């Protein structure tokens, strides 16, 4: 059995209910669902603002605090994250932007999770 690290987070009750319902409908535990989501997010997250190239060959990232985007930048890197090649496809799945006083998700201001 894999060693596990303990992580406690606070969720909006609506978000919690949605995740619980999805886990139940998928015959998963809430922990399995959340761990799977976070594993994907951690492997596909970039800190900063995405800047797709005009030719759509890859996505560069401009450093910017309080912004994270998720997807595939189209780059191939070695085990030390050094760029080896540009080998698409690239895709921005979604972006979280907390630079303003309110959160931005996919270009929309978020004031409620409903």
PDB file of N, CA and C in Angstrom:
ATOM      1  N   UNK A   1       0.839  -1.197   0.000  1.00  0.00           N
ATOM      2  CA  UNK A   1       0.000   0.000   0.000  1.00  0.00           C
ATOM      3  C   UNK A   1       0.876   1.251   0.000  1.00  0.00           C
ATOM      4  N   UNK A   2       0.496   2.212  -0.850  1.00  0.00           N
ATOM      5  CA  UNK A   2       1.248   3.460  -0.920  1.00  0.00           C
ATOM      6  C   UNK A   2       1.144   4.222   0.386  1.00  0.00           C
ATOM      7  N   UNK A   3       2.239   4.899   0.717  1.00  0.00           N
ATOM      8  CA  UNK A   3       2.213   5.778   1.871  1.00  0.00           C
ATOM      9  C   UNK A   3       1.389   7.010   1.508  1.00  0.00           C
ATOM     10  N   UNK A   4       0.603   7.480   2.420  1.00  0.00           N
ATOM     11  CA  UNK A   4      -0.275   8.635   2.167  1.00  0.00           C
ATOM     12  C   UNK A   4       0.109   9.790   3.088  1.00  0.00           C
ATOM     13  N   UNK A   5      -0.014  10.992   2.589  1.00  0.00           N
ATOM     14  CA  UNK A   5       0.176  12.198   3.384  1.00  0.00           C
ATOM     15  C   UNK A   5      -1.196  12.741   3.752  1.00  0.00           C
ATOM     16  N   UNK A   6      -1.315  13.245   4.931  1.00  0.00           N
ATOM     17  CA  UNK A   6      -2.590  13.795   5.376  1.00  0.00           C
ATOM     18  C   UNK A   6      -2.736  15.226   4.870  1.00  0.00           C
ATOM     19  N   UNK A   7      -3.929  15.546   4.396  1.00  0.00           N
ATOM     20  CA  UNK A   7      -4.210  16.889   3.879  1.00  0.00           C
ATOM     21  C   UNK A   7      -5.641  17.251   4.260  1.00  0.00           C
ATOM     22  N   UNK A   8      -5.792  18.331   4.970  1.00  0.00           N
ATOM     23  CA  UNK A   8      -7.134  18.794   5.318  1.00  0.00           C
ATOM     24  C   UNK A   8      -7.399  20.103   4.591  1.00  0.00           C
ATOM     25  N   UNK A   9      -8.551  20.169   3.933  1.00  0.00           N
ATOM     26  CA  UNK A   9      -8.937  21.394   3.235  1.00  0.00           C
ATOM     27  C   UNK A   9     -10.364  21.758   3.623  1.00  0.00           C
ATOM     28  N   UNK A  10     -10.665  23.036   3.501  1.00  0.00           N
ATOM     29  CA  UNK A  10     -12.036  23.508   3.737  1.00  0.00           C
ATOM     30  C   UNK A  10     -12.664  23.761   2.380  1.00  0.00           C
ATOM     31  N   UNK A  11     -13.888  23.277   2.214  1.00  0.00           N
ATOM     32  CA  UNK A  11     -14.619  23.457   0.963  1.00  0.00           C
ATOM     33  C   UNK A  11     -15.935  24.156   1.221  1.00  0.00           C
ATOM     34  N   UNK A  12     -16.374  24.888   0.234  1.00  0.00           N
ATOM     35  CA  UNK A  12     -17.720  25.432   0.263  1.00  0.00           C
ATOM     36  C   UNK A  12     -18.666  24.231   0.327  1.00  0.00           C
ATOM     37  N   UNK A  13     -19.734  24.285   1.106  1.00  0.00           N
ATOM     38  CA  UNK A  13     -20.647  23.141   1.222  1.00  0.00           C
ATOM     39  C   UNK A  13     -21.220  22.674  -0.118  1.00  0.00           C
ATOM     40  N   UNK A  14     -21.461  23.606  -1.038  1.00  0.00           N
ATOM     41  CA  UNK A  14     -22.005  23.221  -2.348  1.00  0.00           C
ATOM     42  C   UNK A  14     -20.974  22.420  -3.137  1.00  0.00           C
ATOM     43  N   UNK A  15     -19.718  22.865  -3.105  1.00  0.00           N
ATOM     44  CA  UNK A  15     -18.642  22.133  -3.783  1.00  0.00           C
ATOM     45  C   UNK A  15     -18.508  20.744  -3.184  1.00  0.00           C
ATOM     46  N   UNK A  16     -18.534  20.659  -1.867  1.00  0.00           N
ATOM     47  CA  UNK A  16     -18.432  19.369  -1.180  1.00  0.00           C
ATOM     48  C   UNK A  16     -19.568  18.438  -1.596  1.00  0.00           C
ATOM     49  N   UNK A  17     -20.787  18.954  -1.622  1.00  0.00           N
ATOM     50  CA  UNK A  17     -21.943  18.135  -2.013  1.00  0.00           C
ATOM     51  C   UNK A  17     -21.813  17.638  -3.455  1.00  0.00           C
ATOM     52  N   UNK A  18     -21.345  18.501  -4.342  1.00  0.00           N
ATOM     53  CA  UNK A  18     -21.172  18.096  -5.749  1.00  0.00           C
ATOM     54  C   UNK A  18     -20.133  16.996  -5.881  1.00  0.00           C
ATOM     55  N   UNK A  19     -19.005  17.150  -5.200  1.00  0.00           N
ATOM     56  CA  UNK A  19     -17.963  16.124  -5.256  1.00  0.00           C
ATOM     57  C   UNK A  19     -18.441  14.811  -4.642  1.00  0.00           C
ATOM     58  N   UNK A  20     -19.154  14.909  -3.536  1.00  0.00           N
ATOM     59  CA  UNK A  20     -19.689  13.712  -2.880  1.00  0.00           C
ATOM     60  C   UNK A  20     -20.668  12.985  -3.803  1.00  0.00           C
ATOM     61  N   UNK A  21     -21.533  13.737  -4.468  1.00  0.00           N
ATOM     62  CA  UNK A  21     -22.508  13.136  -5.388  1.00  0.00           C
ATOM     63  C   UNK A  21     -21.804  12.494  -6.583  1.00  0.00           C
ATOM     64  N   UNK A  22     -20.790  13.149  -7.128  1.00  0.00           N
ATOM     65  CA  UNK A  22     -20.046  12.585  -8.246  1.00  0.00           C
ATOM     66  C   UNK A  22     -19.313  11.317  -7.838  1.00  0.00           C
ATOM     67  N   UNK A  23     -18.699  11.334  -6.682  1.00  0.00           N
ATOM     68  CA  UNK A  23     -18.011  10.135  -6.180  1.00  0.00           C
ATOM     69  C   UNK A  23     -18.995   8.982  -6.014  1.00  0.00           C
ATOM     70  N   UNK A  24     -20.131   9.260  -5.427  1.00  0.00           N
ATOM     71  CA  UNK A  24     -21.147   8.232  -5.221  1.00  0.00           C
ATOM     72  C   UNK A  24     -21.653   7.672  -6.542  1.00  0.00           C
ATOM     73  N   UNK A  25     -21.957   8.547  -7.489  1.00  0.00           N
ATOM     74  CA  UNK A  25     -22.458   8.115  -8.799  1.00  0.00           C
ATOM     75  C   UNK A  25     -21.418   7.304  -9.564  1.00  0.00           C
ATOM     76  N   UNK A  26     -20.142   7.528  -9.263  1.00  0.00           N
ATOM     77  CA  UNK A  26     -19.046   6.833  -9.947  1.00  0.00           C
ATOM     78  C   UNK A  26     -18.557   5.622  -9.168  1.00  0.00           C
ATOM     79  N   UNK A  27     -19.211   5.329  -8.043  1.00  0.00           N
ATOM     80  CA  UNK A  27     -18.828   4.216  -7.177  1.00  0.00           C
ATOM     81  C   UNK A  27     -17.381   4.352  -6.698  1.00  0.00           C
ATOM     82  N   UNK A  28     -17.028   5.582  -6.313  1.00  0.00           N
ATOM     83  CA  UNK A  28     -15.711   5.888  -5.760  1.00  0.00           C
ATOM     84  C   UNK A  28     -15.886   6.482  -4.371  1.00  0.00           C
ATOM     85  N   UNK A  29     -14.840   6.401  -3.572  1.00  0.00           N
ATOM     86  CA  UNK A  29     -14.867   7.142  -2.318  1.00  0.00           C
ATOM     87  C   UNK A  29     -14.559   8.599  -2.652  1.00  0.00           C
ATOM     88  N   UNK A  30     -14.963   9.503  -1.799  1.00  0.00           N
ATOM     89  CA  UNK A  30     -14.659  10.919  -2.003  1.00  0.00           C
ATOM     90  C   UNK A  30     -13.149  11.106  -2.058  1.00  0.00           C
ATOM     91  N   UNK A  31     -12.418  10.386  -1.220  1.00  0.00           N
ATOM     92  CA  UNK A  31     -10.965  10.477  -1.206  1.00  0.00           C
ATOM     93  C   UNK A  31     -10.363  10.036  -2.542  1.00  0.00           C
ATOM     94  N   UNK A  32     -10.853   8.941  -3.117  1.00  0.00           N
ATOM     95  CA  UNK A  32     -10.353   8.472  -4.413  1.00  0.00           C
ATOM     96  C   UNK A  32     -10.571   9.528  -5.495  1.00  0.00           C
ATOM     97  N   UNK A  33     -11.769  10.105  -5.516  1.00  0.00           N
ATOM     98  CA  UNK A  33     -12.089  11.122  -6.519  1.00  0.00           C
ATOM     99  C   UNK A  33     -11.185  12.334  -6.377  1.00  0.00           C
ATOM    100  N   UNK A  34     -11.079  12.861  -5.174  1.00  0.00           N
ATOM    101  CA  UNK A  34     -10.279  14.064  -4.949  1.00  0.00           C
ATOM    102  C   UNK A  34      -8.802  13.792  -5.229  1.00  0.00           C
ATOM    103  N   UNK A  35      -8.291  12.635  -4.810  1.00  0.00           N
ATOM    104  CA  UNK A  35      -6.895  12.315  -5.086  1.00  0.00           C
ATOM    105  C   UNK A  35      -6.642  12.216  -6.592  1.00  0.00           C
ATOM    106  N   UNK A  36      -7.560  11.611  -7.332  1.00  0.00           N
ATOM    107  CA  UNK A  36      -7.416  11.520  -8.778  1.00  0.00           C
ATOM    108  C   UNK A  36      -7.427  12.881  -9.451  1.00  0.00           C
ATOM    109  N   UNK A  37      -8.345  13.737  -9.035  1.00  0.00           N
ATOM    110  CA  UNK A  37      -8.419  15.095  -9.582  1.00  0.00           C
ATOM    111  C   UNK A  37      -7.127  15.854  -9.288  1.00  0.00           C
ATOM    112  N   UNK A  38      -6.669  15.776  -8.042  1.00  0.00           N
ATOM    113  CA  UNK A  38      -5.463  16.504  -7.661  1.00  0.00           C
ATOM    114  C   UNK A  38      -4.212  15.936  -8.322  1.00  0.00           C
ATOM    115  N   UNK A  39      -4.162  14.617  -8.537  1.00  0.00           N
ATOM    116  CA  UNK A  39      -3.015  14.023  -9.229  1.00  0.00           C
ATOM    117  C   UNK A  39      -2.931  14.559 -10.653  1.00  0.00           C
ATOM    118  N   UNK A  40      -4.073  14.602 -11.358  1.00  0.00           N
ATOM    119  CA  UNK A  40      -4.075  15.153 -12.718  1.00  0.00           C
ATOM    120  C   UNK A  40      -3.705  16.631 -12.699  1.00  0.00           C
ATOM    121  N   UNK A  41      -4.318  17.386 -11.793  1.00  0.00           N
ATOM    122  CA  UNK A  41      -4.069  18.825 -11.732  1.00  0.00           C
ATOM    123  C   UNK A  41      -2.598  19.109 -11.449  1.00  0.00           C
ATOM    124  N   UNK A  42      -2.014  18.375 -10.524  1.00  0.00           N
ATOM    125  CA  UNK A  42      -0.611  18.594 -10.195  1.00  0.00           C
ATOM    126  C   UNK A  42       0.322  18.283 -11.349  1.00  0.00           C
ATOM    127  N   UNK A  43      -0.027  17.296 -12.146  1.00  0.00           N
ATOM    128  CA  UNK A  43       0.808  16.903 -13.284  1.00  0.00           C
ATOM    129  C   UNK A  43       0.610  17.800 -14.505  1.00  0.00           C
ATOM    130  N   UNK A  44      -0.454  18.594 -14.510  1.00  0.00           N
ATOM    131  CA  UNK A  44      -0.798  19.395 -15.688  1.00  0.00           C
ATOM    132  C   UNK A  44      -0.993  20.869 -15.370  1.00  0.00           C
ATOM    133  N   UNK A  45      -0.351  21.337 -14.289  1.00  0.00           N
ATOM    134  CA  UNK A  45      -0.508  22.725 -13.850  1.00  0.00           C
ATOM    135  C   UNK A  45       0.746  23.526 -14.147  1.00  0.00           C
ATOM    136  N   UNK A  46       0.528  24.798 -14.480  1.00  0.00           N
ATOM    137  CA  UNK A  46       1.617  25.725 -14.774  1.00  0.00           C
ATOM    138  C   UNK A  46       1.364  27.007 -13.998  1.00  0.00           C
ATOM    139  N   UNK A  47       2.357  27.477 -13.294  1.00  0.00           N
ATOM    140  CA  UNK A  47       2.241  28.709 -12.530  1.00  0.00           C
ATOM    141  C   UNK A  47       2.523  29.895 -13.439  1.00  0.00           C
ATOM    142  N   UNK A  48       1.543  30.752 -13.631  1.00  0.00           N
ATOM    143  CA  UNK A  48       1.694  31.917 -14.487  1.00  0.00           C
ATOM    144  C   UNK A  48       0.571  32.017 -15.500  1.00  0.00           C
ATOM    145  N   UNK A  49       0.736  32.943 -16.439  1.00  0.00           N
ATOM    146  CA  UNK A  49      -0.289  33.223 -17.448  1.00  0.00           C
ATOM    147  C   UNK A  49       0.072  32.509 -18.756  1.00  0.00           C
ATOM    148  N   UNK A  50      -0.860  31.725 -19.317  1.00  0.00           N
ATOM    149  CA  UNK A  50      -0.557  31.034 -20.572  1.00  0.00           C
ATOM    150  C   UNK A  50      -0.531  31.998 -21.750  1.00  0.00           C
ATOM    151  N   UNK A  51       0.444  31.781 -22.639  1.00  0.00           N
ATOM    152  CA  UNK A  51       0.558  32.609 -23.838  1.00  0.00           C
ATOM    153  C   UNK A  51       0.735  31.691 -25.052  1.00  0.00           C
ATOM    154  N   UNK A  52      -0.378  31.298 -25.685  1.00  0.00           N
ATOM    155  CA  UNK A  52      -0.272  30.422 -26.857  1.00  0.00           C
ATOM    156  C   UNK A  52       0.474  31.113 -27.996  1.00  0.00           C
ATOM    157  N   UNK A  53       1.322  30.363 -28.677  1.00  0.00           N
ATOM    158  CA  UNK A  53       2.027  30.874 -29.855  1.00  0.00           C
ATOM    159  C   UNK A  53       1.023  31.033 -30.996  1.00  0.00           C
ATOM    160  N   UNK A  54       1.270  31.995 -31.871  1.00  0.00           N
ATOM    161  CA  UNK A  54       0.358  32.228 -32.998  1.00  0.00           C
ATOM    162  C   UNK A  54       0.175  30.990 -33.862  1.00  0.00           C
ATOM    163  N   UNK A  55       1.255  30.210 -34.028  1.00  0.00           N
ATOM    164  CA  UNK A  55       1.172  29.022 -34.876  1.00  0.00           C
ATOM    165  C   UNK A  55       0.577  27.814 -34.137  1.00  0.00           C
ATOM    166  N   UNK A  56       0.154  28.016 -32.891  1.00  0.00           N
ATOM    167  CA  UNK A  56      -0.461  26.974 -32.055  1.00  0.00           C
ATOM    168  C   UNK A  56       0.472  25.795 -31.791  1.00  0.00           C
ATOM    169  N   UNK A  57       1.802  25.994 -31.940  1.00  0.00           N
ATOM    170  CA  UNK A  57       2.754  24.910 -31.741  1.00  0.00           C
ATOM    171  C   UNK A  57       2.955  24.579 -30.272  1.00  0.00           C
ATOM    172  N   UNK A  58       2.861  25.589 -29.412  1.00  0.00           N
ATOM    173  CA  UNK A  58       3.020  25.365 -27.979  1.00  0.00           C
ATOM    174  C   UNK A  58       2.537  26.596 -27.217  1.00  0.00           C
ATOM    175  N   UNK A  59       2.525  26.460 -25.911  1.00  0.00           N
ATOM    176  CA  UNK A  59       2.078  27.544 -25.039  1.00  0.00           C
ATOM    177  C   UNK A  59       3.227  27.912 -24.118  1.00  0.00           C
ATOM    178  N   UNK A  60       3.611  29.173 -24.138  1.00  0.00           N
ATOM    179  CA  UNK A  60       4.612  29.661 -23.199  1.00  0.00           C
ATOM    180  C   UNK A  60       3.877  30.193 -21.974  1.00  0.00           C
ATOM    181  N   UNK A  61       4.582  30.289 -20.860  1.00  0.00           N
ATOM    182  CA  UNK A  61       3.975  30.762 -19.624  1.00  0.00           C
ATOM    183  C   UNK A  61       4.740  31.965 -19.104  1.00  0.00           C
ATOM    184  N   UNK A  62       4.034  33.074 -18.922  1.00  0.00           N
ATOM    185  CA  UNK A  62       4.634  34.268 -18.324  1.00  0.00           C
ATOM    186  C   UNK A  62       4.490  34.196 -16.813  1.00  0.00           C
ATOM    187  N   UNK A  63       5.576  34.395 -16.093  1.00  0.00           N
ATOM    188  CA  UNK A  63       5.484  34.347 -14.626  1.00  0.00           C
ATOM    189  C   UNK A  63       4.511  35.407 -14.103  1.00  0.00           C
ATOM    190  N   UNK A  64       3.628  34.999 -13.263  1.00  0.00           N
ATOM    191  CA  UNK A  64       2.662  35.915 -12.650  1.00  0.00           C
ATOM    192  C   UNK A  64       2.145  35.235 -11.392  1.00  0.00           C
ATOM    193  N   UNK A  65       2.274  35.904 -10.251  1.00  0.00           N
ATOM    194  CA  UNK A  65       1.778  35.303  -9.016  1.00  0.00           C
ATOM    195  C   UNK A  65       0.252  35.282  -9.015  1.00  0.00           C
ATOM    196  N   UNK A  66      -0.303  34.354  -8.315  1.00  0.00           N
ATOM    197  CA  UNK A  66      -1.739  34.173  -8.119  1.00  0.00           C
ATOM    198  C   UNK A  66      -2.481  33.731  -9.380  1.00  0.00           C
ATOM    199  N   UNK A  67      -1.744  33.179 -10.352  1.00  0.00           N
ATOM    200  CA  UNK A  67      -2.370  32.656 -11.568  1.00  0.00           C
ATOM    201  C   UNK A  67      -1.819  31.255 -11.823  1.00  0.00           C
ATOM    202  N   UNK A  68      -2.713  30.319 -12.096  1.00  0.00           N
ATOM    203  CA  UNK A  68      -2.334  28.948 -12.439  1.00  0.00           C
ATOM    204  C   UNK A  68      -3.213  28.512 -13.607  1.00  0.00           C
ATOM    205  N   UNK A  69      -2.589  27.892 -14.616  1.00  0.00           N
ATOM    206  CA  UNK A  69      -3.392  27.336 -15.702  1.00  0.00           C
ATOM    207  C   UNK A  69      -3.121  25.842 -15.789  1.00  0.00           C
ATOM    208  N   UNK A  70      -4.103  25.125 -16.336  1.00  0.00           N
ATOM    209  CA  UNK A  70      -4.059  23.674 -16.411  1.00  0.00           C
ATOM    210  C   UNK A  70      -4.258  23.244 -17.858  1.00  0.00           C
ATOM    211  N   UNK A  71      -3.476  22.280 -18.286  1.00  0.00           N
ATOM    212  CA  UNK A  71      -3.577  21.777 -19.645  1.00  0.00           C
ATOM    213  C   UNK A  71      -2.267  21.172 -20.091  1.00  0.00           C
ATOM    214  N   UNK A  72      -1.922  21.352 -21.355  1.00  0.00           N
ATOM    215  CA  UNK A  72      -0.707  20.795 -21.939  1.00  0.00           C
ATOM    216  C   UNK A  72      -0.034  21.889 -22.751  1.00  0.00           C
ATOM    217  N   UNK A  73       1.244  22.162 -22.449  1.00  0.00           N
ATOM    218  CA  UNK A  73       1.930  23.255 -23.145  1.00  0.00           C
ATOM    219  C   UNK A  73       2.558  22.839 -24.470  1.00  0.00           C
ATOM    220  N   UNK A  74       2.521  21.544 -24.797  1.00  0.00           N
ATOM    221  CA  UNK A  74       3.063  21.074 -26.061  1.00  0.00           C
ATOM    222  C   UNK A  74       4.558  20.854 -26.048  1.00  0.00           C
ATOM    223  N   UNK A  75       5.203  21.047 -24.903  1.00  0.00           N
ATOM    224  CA  UNK A  75       6.650  20.895 -24.806  1.00  0.00           C
ATOM    225  C   UNK A  75       7.010  19.514 -24.264  1.00  0.00           C
ATOM    226  N   UNK A  76       8.166  19.033 -24.682  1.00  0.00           N
ATOM    227  CA  UNK A  76       8.722  17.785 -24.152  1.00  0.00           C
ATOM    228  C   UNK A  76       9.923  18.180 -23.306  1.00  0.00           C
ATOM    229  N   UNK A  77       9.940  17.709 -22.059  1.00  0.00           N
ATOM    230  CA  UNK A  77      11.022  18.066 -21.129  1.00  0.00           C
ATOM    231  C   UNK A  77      11.700  16.806 -20.598  1.00  0.00           C
ATOM    232  N   UNK A  78      12.933  16.986 -20.150  1.00  0.00           N
ATOM    233  CA  UNK A  78      13.631  15.862 -19.525  1.00  0.00           C
ATOM    234  C   UNK A  78      13.226  15.779 -18.054  1.00  0.00           C
ATOM    235  N   UNK A  79      13.837  14.878 -17.310  1.00  0.00           N
ATOM    236  CA  UNK A  79      13.461  14.659 -15.908  1.00  0.00           C
ATOM    237  C   UNK A  79      13.756  15.873 -15.023  1.00  0.00           C
ATOM    238  N   UNK A  80      14.547  16.818 -15.513  1.00  0.00           N
ATOM    239  CA  UNK A  80      14.849  18.032 -14.748  1.00  0.00           C
ATOM    240  C   UNK A  80      14.081  19.240 -15.282  1.00  0.00           C
ATOM    241  N   UNK A  81      13.047  18.984 -16.069  1.00  0.00           N
ATOM    242  CA  UNK A  81      12.167  19.999 -16.657  1.00  0.00           C
ATOM    243  C   UNK A  81      12.852  20.874 -17.699  1.00  0.00           C
ATOM    244  N   UNK A  82      13.985  20.438 -18.215  1.00  0.00           N
ATOM    245  CA  UNK A  82      14.655  21.179 -19.286  1.00  0.00           C
ATOM    246  C   UNK A  82      13.962  20.880 -20.605  1.00  0.00           C
ATOM    247  N   UNK A  83      13.673  21.924 -21.385  1.00  0.00           N
ATOM    248  CA  UNK A  83      12.996  21.777 -22.667  1.00  0.00           C
ATOM    249  C   UNK A  83      13.853  20.976 -23.639  1.00  0.00           C
ATOM    250  N   UNK A  84      13.272  19.927 -24.203  1.00  0.00           N
ATOM    251  CA  UNK A  84      13.961  19.099 -25.194  1.00  0.00           C
ATOM    252  C   UNK A  84      13.423  19.399 -26.582  1.00  0.00           C
ATOM    253  N   UNK A  85      12.102  19.509 -26.710  1.00  0.00           N
ATOM    254  CA  UNK A  85      11.484  19.650 -28.027  1.00  0.00           C
ATOM    255  C   UNK A  85      10.087  20.234 -27.863  1.00  0.00           C
ATOM    256  N   UNK A  86       9.564  20.761 -28.942  1.00  0.00           N
ATOM    257  CA  UNK A  86       8.168  21.184 -29.005  1.00  0.00           C
ATOM    258  C   UNK A  86       7.455  20.120 -29.816  1.00  0.00           C
ATOM    259  N   UNK A  87       6.498  19.461 -29.191  1.00  0.00           N
ATOM    260  CA  UNK A  87       5.881  18.293 -29.824  1.00  0.00           C
ATOM    261  C   UNK A  87       4.378  18.267 -29.594  1.00  0.00           C
ATOM    262  N   UNK A  88       3.689  19.431 -29.570  1.00  0.00           N
ATOM    263  CA  UNK A  88       2.250  19.495 -29.383  1.00  0.00           C
ATOM    264  C   UNK A  88       1.616  18.171 -29.004  1.00  0.00           C
ATOM    265  N   UNK A  89       0.347  18.027 -28.879  1.00  0.00           N
ATOM    266  CA  UNK A  89      -0.602  19.140 -28.965  1.00  0.00           C
ATOM    267  C   UNK A  89      -0.575  19.993 -27.697  1.00  0.00           C
ATOM    268  N   UNK A  90      -1.051  21.197 -27.825  1.00  0.00           N
ATOM    269  CA  UNK A  90      -1.136  22.059 -26.661  1.00  0.00           C
ATOM    270  C   UNK A  90      -2.604  22.447 -26.450  1.00  0.00           C
ATOM    271  N   UNK A  91      -2.950  22.608 -25.184  1.00  0.00           N
ATOM    272  CA  UNK A  91      -4.347  22.911 -24.865  1.00  0.00           C
ATOM    273  C   UNK A  91      -4.424  23.559 -23.497  1.00  0.00           C
ATOM    274  N   UNK A  92      -5.197  24.617 -23.393  1.00  0.00           N
ATOM    275  CA  UNK A  92      -5.510  25.224 -22.102  1.00  0.00           C
ATOM    276  C   UNK A  92      -6.867  24.680 -21.685  1.00  0.00           C
ATOM    277  N   UNK A  93      -6.898  23.889 -20.616  1.00  0.00           N
ATOM    278  CA  UNK A  93      -8.174  23.330 -20.142  1.00  0.00           C
ATOM    279  C   UNK A  93      -8.932  24.345 -19.296  1.00  0.00           C
ATOM    280  N   UNK A  94      -8.233  24.962 -18.346  1.00  0.00           N
ATOM    281  CA  UNK A  94      -8.830  26.047 -17.580  1.00  0.00           C
ATOM    282  C   UNK A  94      -7.741  26.796 -16.834  1.00  0.00           C
ATOM    283  N   UNK A  95      -8.112  27.954 -16.302  1.00  0.00           N
ATOM    284  CA  UNK A  95      -7.162  28.826 -15.634  1.00  0.00           C
ATOM    285  C   UNK A  95      -7.802  29.399 -14.381  1.00  0.00           C
ATOM    286  N   UNK A  96      -7.015  29.510 -13.322  1.00  0.00           N
ATOM    287  CA  UNK A  96      -7.452  30.170 -12.099  1.00  0.00           C
ATOM    288  C   UNK A  96      -6.659  31.461 -11.962  1.00  0.00           C
ATOM    289  N   UNK A  97      -7.348  32.565 -11.774  1.00  0.00           N
ATOM    290  CA  UNK A  97      -6.700  33.869 -11.687  1.00  0.00           C
ATOM    291  C   UNK A  97      -7.234  34.582 -10.451  1.00  0.00           C
ATOM    292  N   UNK A  98      -6.386  34.693  -9.438  1.00  0.00           N
ATOM    293  CA  UNK A  98      -6.776  35.323  -8.187  1.00  0.00           C
ATOM    294  C   UNK A  98      -6.096  36.677  -7.995  1.00  0.00           C
ATOM    295  N   UNK A  99      -5.636  37.304  -9.087  1.00  0.00           N
ATOM    296  CA  UNK A  99      -4.955  38.596  -8.979  1.00  0.00           C
ATOM    297  C   UNK A  99      -5.906  39.704  -8.543  1.00  0.00           C
ATOM    298  N   UNK A 100      -7.127  39.643  -8.938  1.00  0.00           N
ATOM    299  CA  UNK A 100      -8.099  40.681  -8.581  1.00  0.00           C
ATOM    300  C   UNK A 100      -8.656  40.394  -7.188  1.00  0.00           C
ATOM    301  N   UNK A 101      -9.517  41.260  -6.721  1.00  0.00           N
ATOM    302  CA  UNK A 101     -10.114  41.044  -5.408  1.00  0.00           C
ATOM    303  C   UNK A 101     -11.074  39.864  -5.422  1.00  0.00           C
ATOM    304  N   UNK A 102     -11.494  39.442  -6.609  1.00  0.00           N
ATOM    305  CA  UNK A 102     -12.363  38.281  -6.746  1.00  0.00           C
ATOM    306  C   UNK A 102     -11.710  37.308  -7.709  1.00  0.00           C
ATOM    307  N   UNK A 103     -12.045  36.062  -7.585  1.00  0.00           N
ATOM    308  CA  UNK A 103     -11.441  35.021  -8.415  1.00  0.00           C
ATOM    309  C   UNK A 103     -11.973  35.065  -9.844  1.00  0.00           C
ATOM    310  N   UNK A 104     -11.088  34.740 -10.789  1.00  0.00           N
ATOM    311  CA  UNK A 104     -11.460  34.631 -12.199  1.00  0.00           C
ATOM    312  C   UNK A 104     -11.234  33.187 -12.629  1.00  0.00           C
ATOM    313  N   UNK A 105     -12.214  32.589 -13.262  1.00  0.00           N
ATOM    314  CA  UNK A 105     -12.087  31.243 -13.797  1.00  0.00           C
ATOM    315  C   UNK A 105     -12.536  31.290 -15.246  1.00  0.00           C
ATOM    316  N   UNK A 106     -11.655  30.899 -16.161  1.00  0.00           N
ATOM    317  CA  UNK A 106     -11.944  30.929 -17.593  1.00  0.00           C
ATOM    318  C   UNK A 106     -12.453  32.295 -18.053  1.00  0.00           C
ATOM    319  N   UNK A 107     -11.897  33.356 -17.479  1.00  0.00           N
ATOM    320  CA  UNK A 107     -12.272  34.697 -17.896  1.00  0.00           C
ATOM    321  C   UNK A 107     -13.558  35.215 -17.280  1.00  0.00           C
ATOM    322  N   UNK A 108     -14.168  34.443 -16.399  1.00  0.00           N
ATOM    323  CA  UNK A 108     -15.418  34.860 -15.753  1.00  0.00           C
ATOM    324  C   UNK A 108     -15.162  35.105 -14.282  1.00  0.00           C
ATOM    325  N   UNK A 109     -15.694  36.189 -13.774  1.00  0.00           N
ATOM    326  CA  UNK A 109     -15.544  36.479 -12.359  1.00  0.00           C
ATOM    327  C   UNK A 109     -16.409  35.515 -11.551  1.00  0.00           C
ATOM    328  N   UNK A 110     -15.815  34.947 -10.507  1.00  0.00           N
ATOM    329  CA  UNK A 110     -16.526  33.963  -9.699  1.00  0.00           C
ATOM    330  C   UNK A 110     -16.902  34.625  -8.375  1.00  0.00           C
ATOM    331  N   UNK A 111     -18.200  34.763  -8.137  1.00  0.00           N
ATOM    332  CA  UNK A 111     -18.648  35.300  -6.860  1.00  0.00           C
ATOM    333  C   UNK A 111     -19.491  34.276  -6.107  1.00  0.00           C
ATOM    334  N   UNK A 112     -19.781  33.167  -6.758  1.00  0.00           N
ATOM    335  CA  UNK A 112     -20.574  32.103  -6.142  1.00  0.00           C
ATOM    336  C   UNK A 112     -20.193  30.807  -6.857  1.00  0.00           C
ATOM    337  N   UNK A 113     -20.169  29.717  -6.128  1.00  0.00           N
ATOM    338  CA  UNK A 113     -19.771  28.444  -6.734  1.00  0.00           C
ATOM    339  C   UNK A 113     -20.927  27.720  -7.400  1.00  0.00           C
ATOM    340  N   UNK A 114     -22.125  28.260  -7.311  1.00  0.00           N
ATOM    341  CA  UNK A 114     -23.275  27.598  -7.951  1.00  0.00           C
ATOM    342  C   UNK A 114     -23.222  27.703  -9.430  1.00  0.00           C
TER     343      UNK A 114
END
